Amino acid sequence: MDISNLSLVDLKALLREVPREIKRREAAERVKVRRELEELAHARGFSLNDVLSELPVRRVSKRGTAEIRYRHPQDSTQTWSGRGRKPRWVEAWLAGGGTLAALKV
């Protein structure tokens, strides 16, 4: 589809319509996939609920939000809990000879 000849008004209208159309098509595709899965399960002698109930359930971590332990010395909006990978600003601070203790809140 060549959109280079569309006016600005038409492009903005298209931009508003695309997300709606994507949602509509995703919903239709989900219905189609569900029907296909139900047919497959039925052909094998099961209901879809029987098949899905056998799948393992993923557990969501209940650790919650981690407490902020480190803060950037010049930009107080940049923080780190000490969990996971070090942010770039922490890596840069350490590479520059700084210590984690100096960033401690």
PDB file of N, CA and C in Angstrom:
ATOM      1  N   MET A   1       0.843  -1.172   0.000  1.00  0.00           N
ATOM      2  CA  MET A   1       0.000   0.000   0.000  1.00  0.00           C
ATOM      3  C   MET A   1       0.890   1.238   0.000  1.00  0.00           C
ATOM      4  N   ASP A   2       0.712   2.096  -0.969  1.00  0.00           N
ATOM      5  CA  ASP A   2       1.485   3.326  -1.074  1.00  0.00           C
ATOM      6  C   ASP A   2       0.726   4.452  -0.389  1.00  0.00           C
ATOM      7  N   ILE A   3       1.256   4.937   0.721  1.00  0.00           N
ATOM      8  CA  ILE A   3       0.575   5.999   1.464  1.00  0.00           C
ATOM      9  C   ILE A   3       1.196   7.365   1.201  1.00  0.00           C
ATOM     10  N   SER A   4       2.205   7.422   0.350  1.00  0.00           N
ATOM     11  CA  SER A   4       2.906   8.680   0.111  1.00  0.00           C
ATOM     12  C   SER A   4       2.017   9.733  -0.546  1.00  0.00           C
ATOM     13  N   ASN A   5       0.942   9.334  -1.207  1.00  0.00           N
ATOM     14  CA  ASN A   5       0.052  10.291  -1.875  1.00  0.00           C
ATOM     15  C   ASN A   5      -1.130  10.713  -1.003  1.00  0.00           C
ATOM     16  N   LEU A   6      -1.217  10.172   0.212  1.00  0.00           N
ATOM     17  CA  LEU A   6      -2.322  10.545   1.093  1.00  0.00           C
ATOM     18  C   LEU A   6      -2.079  11.918   1.708  1.00  0.00           C
ATOM     19  N   SER A   7      -3.161  12.642   1.917  1.00  0.00           N
ATOM     20  CA  SER A   7      -3.052  13.946   2.563  1.00  0.00           C
ATOM     21  C   SER A   7      -2.783  13.751   4.058  1.00  0.00           C
ATOM     22  N   LEU A   8      -2.391  14.821   4.709  1.00  0.00           N
ATOM     23  CA  LEU A   8      -2.136  14.758   6.143  1.00  0.00           C
ATOM     24  C   LEU A   8      -3.398  14.362   6.899  1.00  0.00           C
ATOM     25  N   VAL A   9      -4.533  14.885   6.497  1.00  0.00           N
ATOM     26  CA  VAL A   9      -5.812  14.550   7.137  1.00  0.00           C
ATOM     27  C   VAL A   9      -6.102  13.062   6.971  1.00  0.00           C
ATOM     28  N   ASP A  10      -5.878  12.552   5.765  1.00  0.00           N
ATOM     29  CA  ASP A  10      -6.118  11.126   5.518  1.00  0.00           C
ATOM     30  C   ASP A  10      -5.156  10.249   6.325  1.00  0.00           C
ATOM     31  N   LEU A  11      -3.898  10.682   6.438  1.00  0.00           N
ATOM     32  CA  LEU A  11      -2.924   9.917   7.213  1.00  0.00           C
ATOM     33  C   LEU A  11      -3.315   9.864   8.691  1.00  0.00           C
ATOM     34  N   LYS A  12      -3.767  10.990   9.231  1.00  0.00           N
ATOM     35  CA  LYS A  12      -4.187  11.016  10.630  1.00  0.00           C
ATOM     36  C   LYS A  12      -5.414  10.149  10.855  1.00  0.00           C
ATOM     37  N   ALA A  13      -6.331  10.146   9.899  1.00  0.00           N
ATOM     38  CA  ALA A  13      -7.515   9.287  10.003  1.00  0.00           C
ATOM     39  C   ALA A  13      -7.099   7.819   9.967  1.00  0.00           C
ATOM     40  N   LEU A  14      -6.164   7.508   9.089  1.00  0.00           N
ATOM     41  CA  LEU A  14      -5.659   6.141   8.994  1.00  0.00           C
ATOM     42  C   LEU A  14      -4.988   5.724  10.306  1.00  0.00           C
ATOM     43  N   LEU A  15      -4.236   6.644  10.891  1.00  0.00           N
ATOM     44  CA  LEU A  15      -3.561   6.367  12.153  1.00  0.00           C
ATOM     45  C   LEU A  15      -4.556   6.054  13.263  1.00  0.00           C
ATOM     46  N   ARG A  16      -5.717   6.707  13.252  1.00  0.00           N
ATOM     47  CA  ARG A  16      -6.747   6.418  14.261  1.00  0.00           C
ATOM     48  C   ARG A  16      -7.438   5.087  13.986  1.00  0.00           C
ATOM     49  N   GLU A  17      -7.589   4.733  12.730  1.00  0.00           N
ATOM     50  CA  GLU A  17      -8.311   3.518  12.361  1.00  0.00           C
ATOM     51  C   GLU A  17      -7.486   2.247  12.534  1.00  0.00           C
ATOM     52  N   VAL A  18      -6.194   2.325  12.341  1.00  0.00           N
ATOM     53  CA  VAL A  18      -5.346   1.127  12.378  1.00  0.00           C
ATOM     54  C   VAL A  18      -5.425   0.403  13.722  1.00  0.00           C
ATOM     55  N   PRO A  19      -5.271   1.073  14.867  1.00  0.00           N
ATOM     56  CA  PRO A  19      -5.369   0.340  16.136  1.00  0.00           C
ATOM     57  C   PRO A  19      -6.728  -0.340  16.335  1.00  0.00           C
ATOM     58  N   ARG A  20      -7.795   0.330  15.920  1.00  0.00           N
ATOM     59  CA  ARG A  20      -9.131  -0.282  16.044  1.00  0.00           C
ATOM     60  C   ARG A  20      -9.247  -1.530  15.178  1.00  0.00           C
ATOM     61  N   GLU A  21      -8.727  -1.445  13.974  1.00  0.00           N
ATOM     62  CA  GLU A  21      -8.801  -2.592  13.069  1.00  0.00           C
ATOM     63  C   GLU A  21      -7.944  -3.744  13.586  1.00  0.00           C
ATOM     64  N   ILE A  22      -6.800  -3.425  14.141  1.00  0.00           N
ATOM     65  CA  ILE A  22      -5.935  -4.466  14.703  1.00  0.00           C
ATOM     66  C   ILE A  22      -6.649  -5.174  15.846  1.00  0.00           C
ATOM     67  N   LYS A  23      -7.280  -4.424  16.747  1.00  0.00           N
ATOM     68  CA  LYS A  23      -8.025  -5.038  17.861  1.00  0.00           C
ATOM     69  C   LYS A  23      -9.143  -5.927  17.338  1.00  0.00           C
ATOM     70  N   ARG A  24      -9.879  -5.437  16.337  1.00  0.00           N
ATOM     71  CA  ARG A  24     -10.984  -6.212  15.773  1.00  0.00           C
ATOM     72  C   ARG A  24     -10.473  -7.521  15.180  1.00  0.00           C
ATOM     73  N   ARG A  25      -9.398  -7.440  14.421  1.00  0.00           N
ATOM     74  CA  ARG A  25      -8.862  -8.650  13.783  1.00  0.00           C
ATOM     75  C   ARG A  25      -8.268  -9.618  14.805  1.00  0.00           C
ATOM     76  N   GLU A  26      -7.622  -9.099  15.846  1.00  0.00           N
ATOM     77  CA  GLU A  26      -7.096  -9.976  16.893  1.00  0.00           C
ATOM     78  C   GLU A  26      -8.222 -10.729  17.584  1.00  0.00           C
ATOM     79  N   ALA A  27      -9.320 -10.028  17.860  1.00  0.00           N
ATOM     80  CA  ALA A  27     -10.460 -10.679  18.504  1.00  0.00           C
ATOM     81  C   ALA A  27     -11.028 -11.776  17.605  1.00  0.00           C
ATOM     82  N   ALA A  28     -11.165 -11.473  16.322  1.00  0.00           N
ATOM     83  CA  ALA A  28     -11.685 -12.468  15.377  1.00  0.00           C
ATOM     84  C   ALA A  28     -10.741 -13.661  15.271  1.00  0.00           C
ATOM     85  N   GLU A  29      -9.456 -13.406  15.272  1.00  0.00           N
ATOM     86  CA  GLU A  29      -8.479 -14.489  15.179  1.00  0.00           C
ATOM     87  C   GLU A  29      -8.511 -15.364  16.429  1.00  0.00           C
ATOM     88  N   ARG A  30      -8.679 -14.737  17.618  1.00  0.00           N
ATOM     89  CA  ARG A  30      -8.787 -15.517  18.855  1.00  0.00           C
ATOM     90  C   ARG A  30      -9.985 -16.459  18.805  1.00  0.00           C
ATOM     91  N   VAL A  31     -11.115 -15.967  18.298  1.00  0.00           N
ATOM     92  CA  VAL A  31     -12.319 -16.801  18.180  1.00  0.00           C
ATOM     93  C   VAL A  31     -12.036 -17.972  17.248  1.00  0.00           C
ATOM     94  N   LYS A  32     -11.379 -17.683  16.129  1.00  0.00           N
ATOM     95  CA  LYS A  32     -11.067 -18.728  15.147  1.00  0.00           C
ATOM     96  C   LYS A  32     -10.135 -19.789  15.749  1.00  0.00           C
ATOM     97  N   VAL A  33      -9.112 -19.351  16.460  1.00  0.00           N
ATOM     98  CA  VAL A  33      -8.161 -20.285  17.073  1.00  0.00           C
ATOM     99  C   VAL A  33      -8.861 -21.128  18.132  1.00  0.00           C
ATOM    100  N   ARG A  34      -9.711 -20.495  18.925  1.00  0.00           N
ATOM    101  CA  ARG A  34     -10.430 -21.249  19.963  1.00  0.00           C
ATOM    102  C   ARG A  34     -11.288 -22.344  19.338  1.00  0.00           C
ATOM    103  N   ARG A  35     -11.993 -21.999  18.245  1.00  0.00           N
ATOM    104  CA  ARG A  35     -12.821 -23.011  17.557  1.00  0.00           C
ATOM    105  C   ARG A  35     -11.964 -24.166  17.058  1.00  0.00           C
ATOM    106  N   GLU A  36     -10.822 -23.832  16.455  1.00  0.00           N
ATOM    107  CA  GLU A  36      -9.932 -24.872  15.941  1.00  0.00           C
ATOM    108  C   GLU A  36      -9.433 -25.775  17.077  1.00  0.00           C
ATOM    109  N   LEU A  37      -9.089 -25.172  18.202  1.00  0.00           N
ATOM    110  CA  LEU A  37      -8.619 -25.961  19.343  1.00  0.00           C
ATOM    111  C   LEU A  37      -9.729 -26.842  19.908  1.00  0.00           C
ATOM    112  N   GLU A  38     -10.940 -26.292  19.976  1.00  0.00           N
ATOM    113  CA  GLU A  38     -12.074 -27.086  20.457  1.00  0.00           C
ATOM    114  C   GLU A  38     -12.329 -28.274  19.539  1.00  0.00           C
ATOM    115  N   GLU A  39     -12.246 -28.055  18.217  1.00  0.00           N
ATOM    116  CA  GLU A  39     -12.457 -29.142  17.256  1.00  0.00           C
ATOM    117  C   GLU A  39     -11.372 -30.211  17.404  1.00  0.00           C
ATOM    118  N   LEU A  40     -10.139 -29.795  17.559  1.00  0.00           N
ATOM    119  CA  LEU A  40      -9.042 -30.746  17.721  1.00  0.00           C
ATOM    120  C   LEU A  40      -9.217 -31.560  18.996  1.00  0.00           C
ATOM    121  N   ALA A  41      -9.540 -30.886  20.092  1.00  0.00           N
ATOM    122  CA  ALA A  41      -9.744 -31.595  21.354  1.00  0.00           C
ATOM    123  C   ALA A  41     -10.913 -32.570  21.232  1.00  0.00           C
ATOM    124  N   HIS A  42     -12.014 -32.111  20.619  1.00  0.00           N
ATOM    125  CA  HIS A  42     -13.196 -32.970  20.450  1.00  0.00           C
ATOM    126  C   HIS A  42     -12.868 -34.190  19.595  1.00  0.00           C
ATOM    127  N   ALA A  43     -12.068 -34.007  18.541  1.00  0.00           N
ATOM    128  CA  ALA A  43     -11.687 -35.122  17.677  1.00  0.00           C
ATOM    129  C   ALA A  43     -10.876 -36.169  18.428  1.00  0.00           C
ATOM    130  N   ARG A  44     -10.192 -35.745  19.483  1.00  0.00           N
ATOM    131  CA  ARG A  44      -9.390 -36.673  20.280  1.00  0.00           C
ATOM    132  C   ARG A  44     -10.138 -37.166  21.507  1.00  0.00           C
ATOM    133  N   GLY A  45     -11.409 -36.738  21.671  1.00  0.00           N
ATOM    134  CA  GLY A  45     -12.214 -37.235  22.772  1.00  0.00           C
ATOM    135  C   GLY A  45     -12.142 -36.409  24.050  1.00  0.00           C
ATOM    136  N   PHE A  46     -11.715 -35.181  23.935  1.00  0.00           N
ATOM    137  CA  PHE A  46     -11.606 -34.303  25.100  1.00  0.00           C
ATOM    138  C   PHE A  46     -12.403 -33.031  24.871  1.00  0.00           C
ATOM    139  N   SER A  47     -12.644 -32.332  25.978  1.00  0.00           N
ATOM    140  CA  SER A  47     -13.140 -30.967  25.832  1.00  0.00           C
ATOM    141  C   SER A  47     -11.923 -30.057  25.942  1.00  0.00           C
ATOM    142  N   LEU A  48     -12.032 -28.852  25.459  1.00  0.00           N
ATOM    143  CA  LEU A  48     -10.916 -27.920  25.541  1.00  0.00           C
ATOM    144  C   LEU A  48     -10.564 -27.628  26.998  1.00  0.00           C
ATOM    145  N   ASN A  49     -11.568 -27.541  27.854  1.00  0.00           N
ATOM    146  CA  ASN A  49     -11.317 -27.313  29.276  1.00  0.00           C
ATOM    147  C   ASN A  49     -10.526 -28.459  29.902  1.00  0.00           C
ATOM    148  N   ASP A  50     -10.820 -29.709  29.482  1.00  0.00           N
ATOM    149  CA  ASP A  50     -10.060 -30.853  29.977  1.00  0.00           C
ATOM    150  C   ASP A  50      -8.579 -30.708  29.637  1.00  0.00           C
ATOM    151  N   VAL A  51      -8.313 -30.312  28.402  1.00  0.00           N
ATOM    152  CA  VAL A  51      -6.931 -30.190  27.939  1.00  0.00           C
ATOM    153  C   VAL A  51      -6.230 -29.044  28.658  1.00  0.00           C
ATOM    154  N   LEU A  52      -6.891 -27.903  28.754  1.00  0.00           N
ATOM    155  CA  LEU A  52      -6.260 -26.736  29.359  1.00  0.00           C
ATOM    156  C   LEU A  52      -6.064 -26.887  30.863  1.00  0.00           C
ATOM    157  N   SER A  53      -6.910 -27.655  31.515  1.00  0.00           N
ATOM    158  CA  SER A  53      -6.762 -27.816  32.961  1.00  0.00           C
ATOM    159  C   SER A  53      -5.518 -28.620  33.312  1.00  0.00           C
ATOM    160  N   GLU A  54      -4.963 -29.338  32.364  1.00  0.00           N
ATOM    161  CA  GLU A  54      -3.756 -30.129  32.601  1.00  0.00           C
ATOM    162  C   GLU A  54      -2.481 -29.306  32.467  1.00  0.00           C
ATOM    163  N   LEU A  55      -2.576 -28.112  31.918  1.00  0.00           N
ATOM    164  CA  LEU A  55      -1.379 -27.290  31.734  1.00  0.00           C
ATOM    165  C   LEU A  55      -0.910 -26.738  33.072  1.00  0.00           C
ATOM    166  N   PRO A  56       0.414 -26.645  33.245  1.00  0.00           N
ATOM    167  CA  PRO A  56       0.919 -26.077  34.500  1.00  0.00           C
ATOM    168  C   PRO A  56       0.584 -24.588  34.575  1.00  0.00           C
ATOM    169  N   VAL A  57       0.327 -24.135  35.772  1.00  0.00           N
ATOM    170  CA  VAL A  57      -0.005 -22.732  35.988  1.00  0.00           C
ATOM    171  C   VAL A  57       1.267 -21.996  36.369  1.00  0.00           C
ATOM    172  N   ARG A  58       1.528 -20.880  35.679  1.00  0.00           N
ATOM    173  CA  ARG A  58       2.694 -20.063  36.020  1.00  0.00           C
ATOM    174  C   ARG A  58       2.401 -19.269  37.274  1.00  0.00           C
ATOM    175  N   ARG A  59       3.297 -19.320  38.179  1.00  0.00           N
ATOM    176  CA  ARG A  59       3.142 -18.579  39.420  1.00  0.00           C
ATOM    177  C   ARG A  59       3.692 -17.174  39.242  1.00  0.00           C
ATOM    178  N   VAL A  60       2.968 -16.217  39.737  1.00  0.00           N
ATOM    179  CA  VAL A  60       3.414 -14.833  39.705  1.00  0.00           C
ATOM    180  C   VAL A  60       4.162 -14.552  40.996  1.00  0.00           C
ATOM    181  N   SER A  61       5.288 -13.910  40.867  1.00  0.00           N
ATOM    182  CA  SER A  61       6.095 -13.596  42.038  1.00  0.00           C
ATOM    183  C   SER A  61       5.325 -12.687  42.984  1.00  0.00           C
ATOM    184  N   LYS A  62       5.409 -12.982  44.255  1.00  0.00           N
ATOM    185  CA  LYS A  62       4.728 -12.173  45.256  1.00  0.00           C
ATOM    186  C   LYS A  62       5.718 -11.313  46.023  1.00  0.00           C
ATOM    187  N   ARG A  63       6.883 -11.116  45.429  1.00  0.00           N
ATOM    188  CA  ARG A  63       7.915 -10.340  46.092  1.00  0.00           C
ATOM    189  C   ARG A  63       7.545  -8.869  46.155  1.00  0.00           C
ATOM    190  N   GLY A  64       6.764  -8.397  45.215  1.00  0.00           N
ATOM    191  CA  GLY A  64       6.356  -7.001  45.226  1.00  0.00           C
ATOM    192  C   GLY A  64       7.443  -6.078  44.718  1.00  0.00           C
ATOM    193  N   THR A  65       7.221  -4.802  44.906  1.00  0.00           N
ATOM    194  CA  THR A  65       8.163  -3.792  44.475  1.00  0.00           C
ATOM    195  C   THR A  65       9.329  -3.734  45.448  1.00  0.00           C
ATOM    196  N   ALA A  66      10.507  -3.714  44.885  1.00  0.00           N
ATOM    197  CA  ALA A  66      11.705  -3.689  45.718  1.00  0.00           C
ATOM    198  C   ALA A  66      11.963  -2.271  46.228  1.00  0.00           C
ATOM    199  N   GLU A  67      12.516  -2.198  47.398  1.00  0.00           N
ATOM    200  CA  GLU A  67      12.864  -0.920  48.013  1.00  0.00           C
ATOM    201  C   GLU A  67      14.061  -0.311  47.278  1.00  0.00           C
ATOM    202  N   ILE A  68      14.037   0.996  47.098  1.00  0.00           N
ATOM    203  CA  ILE A  68      15.143   1.689  46.428  1.00  0.00           C
ATOM    204  C   ILE A  68      16.342   1.720  47.379  1.00  0.00           C
ATOM    205  N   ARG A  69      17.487   1.272  46.873  1.00  0.00           N
ATOM    206  CA  ARG A  69      18.692   1.234  47.698  1.00  0.00           C
ATOM    207  C   ARG A  69      19.778   2.165  47.189  1.00  0.00           C
ATOM    208  N   TYR A  70      19.729   2.480  45.882  1.00  0.00           N
ATOM    209  CA  TYR A  70      20.771   3.318  45.296  1.00  0.00           C
ATOM    210  C   TYR A  70      20.125   4.431  44.471  1.00  0.00           C
ATOM    211  N   ARG A  71      20.738   5.619  44.517  1.00  0.00           N
ATOM    212  CA  ARG A  71      20.217   6.764  43.776  1.00  0.00           C
ATOM    213  C   ARG A  71      21.371   7.468  43.072  1.00  0.00           C
ATOM    214  N   HIS A  72      21.107   7.911  41.832  1.00  0.00           N
ATOM    215  CA  HIS A  72      22.098   8.648  41.050  1.00  0.00           C
ATOM    216  C   HIS A  72      22.451   9.942  41.793  1.00  0.00           C
ATOM    217  N   PRO A  73      23.740  10.296  41.883  1.00  0.00           N
ATOM    218  CA  PRO A  73      24.124  11.473  42.666  1.00  0.00           C
ATOM    219  C   PRO A  73      23.639  12.811  42.081  1.00  0.00           C
ATOM    220  N   GLN A  74      23.501  12.925  40.752  1.00  0.00           N
ATOM    221  CA  GLN A  74      23.052  14.177  40.152  1.00  0.00           C
ATOM    222  C   GLN A  74      21.593  14.148  39.708  1.00  0.00           C
ATOM    223  N   ASP A  75      21.057  12.975  39.428  1.00  0.00           N
ATOM    224  CA  ASP A  75      19.683  12.850  38.922  1.00  0.00           C
ATOM    225  C   ASP A  75      18.892  11.927  39.840  1.00  0.00           C
ATOM    226  N   SER A  76      18.124  12.515  40.740  1.00  0.00           N
ATOM    227  CA  SER A  76      17.427  11.728  41.759  1.00  0.00           C
ATOM    228  C   SER A  76      16.305  10.863  41.186  1.00  0.00           C
ATOM    229  N   THR A  77      15.958  11.049  39.911  1.00  0.00           N
ATOM    230  CA  THR A  77      14.913  10.208  39.312  1.00  0.00           C
ATOM    231  C   THR A  77      15.457   8.835  38.933  1.00  0.00           C
ATOM    232  N   GLN A  78      16.771   8.705  38.853  1.00  0.00           N
ATOM    233  CA  GLN A  78      17.385   7.421  38.495  1.00  0.00           C
ATOM    234  C   GLN A  78      17.732   6.670  39.771  1.00  0.00           C
ATOM    235  N   THR A  79      17.049   5.544  39.944  1.00  0.00           N
ATOM    236  CA  THR A  79      17.246   4.740  41.145  1.00  0.00           C
ATOM    237  C   THR A  79      17.456   3.281  40.763  1.00  0.00           C
ATOM    238  N   TRP A  80      17.886   2.504  41.737  1.00  0.00           N
ATOM    239  CA  TRP A  80      18.075   1.065  41.534  1.00  0.00           C
ATOM    240  C   TRP A  80      17.867   0.360  42.861  1.00  0.00           C
ATOM    241  N   SER A  81      17.187  -0.766  42.816  1.00  0.00           N
ATOM    242  CA  SER A  81      16.883  -1.527  44.030  1.00  0.00           C
ATOM    243  C   SER A  81      18.034  -2.431  44.450  1.00  0.00           C
ATOM    244  N   GLY A  82      18.973  -2.647  43.544  1.00  0.00           N
ATOM    245  CA  GLY A  82      20.051  -3.581  43.827  1.00  0.00           C
ATOM    246  C   GLY A  82      19.744  -4.961  43.301  1.00  0.00           C
ATOM    247  N   ARG A  83      18.521  -5.144  42.783  1.00  0.00           N
ATOM    248  CA  ARG A  83      18.121  -6.426  42.186  1.00  0.00           C
ATOM    249  C   ARG A  83      18.350  -6.379  40.687  1.00  0.00           C
ATOM    250  N   GLY A  84      18.651  -7.530  40.147  1.00  0.00           N
ATOM    251  CA  GLY A  84      18.785  -7.631  38.693  1.00  0.00           C
ATOM    252  C   GLY A  84      20.056  -6.971  38.189  1.00  0.00           C
ATOM    253  N   ARG A  85      20.058  -6.758  36.883  1.00  0.00           N
ATOM    254  CA  ARG A  85      21.218  -6.184  36.212  1.00  0.00           C
ATOM    255  C   ARG A  85      21.419  -4.725  36.628  1.00  0.00           C
ATOM    256  N   LYS A  86      22.675  -4.334  36.755  1.00  0.00           N
ATOM    257  CA  LYS A  86      22.986  -2.957  37.122  1.00  0.00           C
ATOM    258  C   LYS A  86      22.580  -2.018  35.986  1.00  0.00           C
ATOM    259  N   PRO A  87      21.936  -0.902  36.307  1.00  0.00           N
ATOM    260  CA  PRO A  87      21.616   0.080  35.266  1.00  0.00           C
ATOM    261  C   PRO A  87      22.905   0.686  34.698  1.00  0.00           C
ATOM    262  N   ARG A  88      22.793   1.278  33.521  1.00  0.00           N
ATOM    263  CA  ARG A  88      23.968   1.864  32.870  1.00  0.00           C
ATOM    264  C   ARG A  88      24.614   2.950  33.721  1.00  0.00           C
ATOM    265  N   TRP A  89      23.786   3.739  34.392  1.00  0.00           N
ATOM    266  CA  TRP A  89      24.365   4.816  35.186  1.00  0.00           C
ATOM    267  C   TRP A  89      25.193   4.274  36.350  1.00  0.00           C
ATOM    268  N   VAL A  90      24.799   3.115  36.898  1.00  0.00           N
ATOM    269  CA  VAL A  90      25.584   2.482  37.967  1.00  0.00           C
ATOM    270  C   VAL A  90      26.888   1.946  37.388  1.00  0.00           C
ATOM    271  N   GLU A  91      26.791   1.298  36.232  1.00  0.00           N
ATOM    272  CA  GLU A  91      27.996   0.771  35.573  1.00  0.00           C
ATOM    273  C   GLU A  91      28.977   1.904  35.284  1.00  0.00           C
ATOM    274  N   ALA A  92      28.463   3.039  34.781  1.00  0.00           N
ATOM    275  CA  ALA A  92      29.321   4.182  34.472  1.00  0.00           C
ATOM    276  C   ALA A  92      29.960   4.735  35.744  1.00  0.00           C
ATOM    277  N   TRP A  93      29.197   4.802  36.812  1.00  0.00           N
ATOM    278  CA  TRP A  93      29.705   5.301  38.097  1.00  0.00           C
ATOM    279  C   TRP A  93      30.846   4.405  38.591  1.00  0.00           C
ATOM    280  N   LEU A  94      30.631   3.099  38.536  1.00  0.00           N
ATOM    281  CA  LEU A  94      31.659   2.157  38.987  1.00  0.00           C
ATOM    282  C   LEU A  94      32.884   2.205  38.094  1.00  0.00           C
ATOM    283  N   ALA A  95      32.673   2.330  36.768  1.00  0.00           N
ATOM    284  CA  ALA A  95      33.790   2.412  35.832  1.00  0.00           C
ATOM    285  C   ALA A  95      34.613   3.677  36.058  1.00  0.00           C
ATOM    286  N   GLY A  96      33.966   4.723  36.550  1.00  0.00           N
ATOM    287  CA  GLY A  96      34.651   5.981  36.834  1.00  0.00           C
ATOM    288  C   GLY A  96      35.356   5.995  38.177  1.00  0.00           C
ATOM    289  N   GLY A  97      35.350   4.897  38.877  1.00  0.00           N
ATOM    290  CA  GLY A  97      36.043   4.797  40.147  1.00  0.00           C
ATOM    291  C   GLY A  97      35.151   4.969  41.363  1.00  0.00           C
ATOM    292  N   GLY A  98      33.847   5.179  41.155  1.00  0.00           N
ATOM    293  CA  GLY A  98      32.931   5.314  42.269  1.00  0.00           C
ATOM    294  C   GLY A  98      32.619   3.980  42.917  1.00  0.00           C
ATOM    295  N   THR A  99      32.003   4.040  44.087  1.00  0.00           N
ATOM    296  CA  THR A  99      31.623   2.821  44.800  1.00  0.00           C
ATOM    297  C   THR A  99      30.116   2.780  44.989  1.00  0.00           C
ATOM    298  N   LEU A 100      29.595   1.580  45.174  1.00  0.00           N
ATOM    299  CA  LEU A 100      28.170   1.427  45.433  1.00  0.00           C
ATOM    300  C   LEU A 100      27.797   2.096  46.752  1.00  0.00           C
ATOM    301  N   ALA A 101      28.676   2.055  47.698  1.00  0.00           N
ATOM    302  CA  ALA A 101      28.403   2.663  49.008  1.00  0.00           C
ATOM    303  C   ALA A 101      28.113   4.162  48.871  1.00  0.00           C
ATOM    304  N   ALA A 102      28.748   4.810  47.913  1.00  0.00           N
ATOM    305  CA  ALA A 102      28.533   6.250  47.712  1.00  0.00           C
ATOM    306  C   ALA A 102      27.148   6.544  47.149  1.00  0.00           C
ATOM    307  N   LEU A 103      26.532   5.549  46.492  1.00  0.00           N
ATOM    308  CA  LEU A 103      25.196   5.725  45.908  1.00  0.00           C
ATOM    309  C   LEU A 103      24.082   5.300  46.837  1.00  0.00           C
ATOM    310  N   LYS A 104      24.442   4.697  47.947  1.00  0.00           N
ATOM    311  CA  LYS A 104      23.447   4.153  48.882  1.00  0.00           C
ATOM    312  C   LYS A 104      22.505   5.252  49.384  1.00  0.00           C
ATOM    313  N   VAL A 105      21.214   4.896  49.462  1.00  0.00           N
ATOM    314  CA  VAL A 105      20.198   5.853  49.921  1.00  0.00           C
ATOM    315  C   VAL A 105      20.194   5.886  51.427  1.00  0.00           C
TER     316      VAL A 105
END
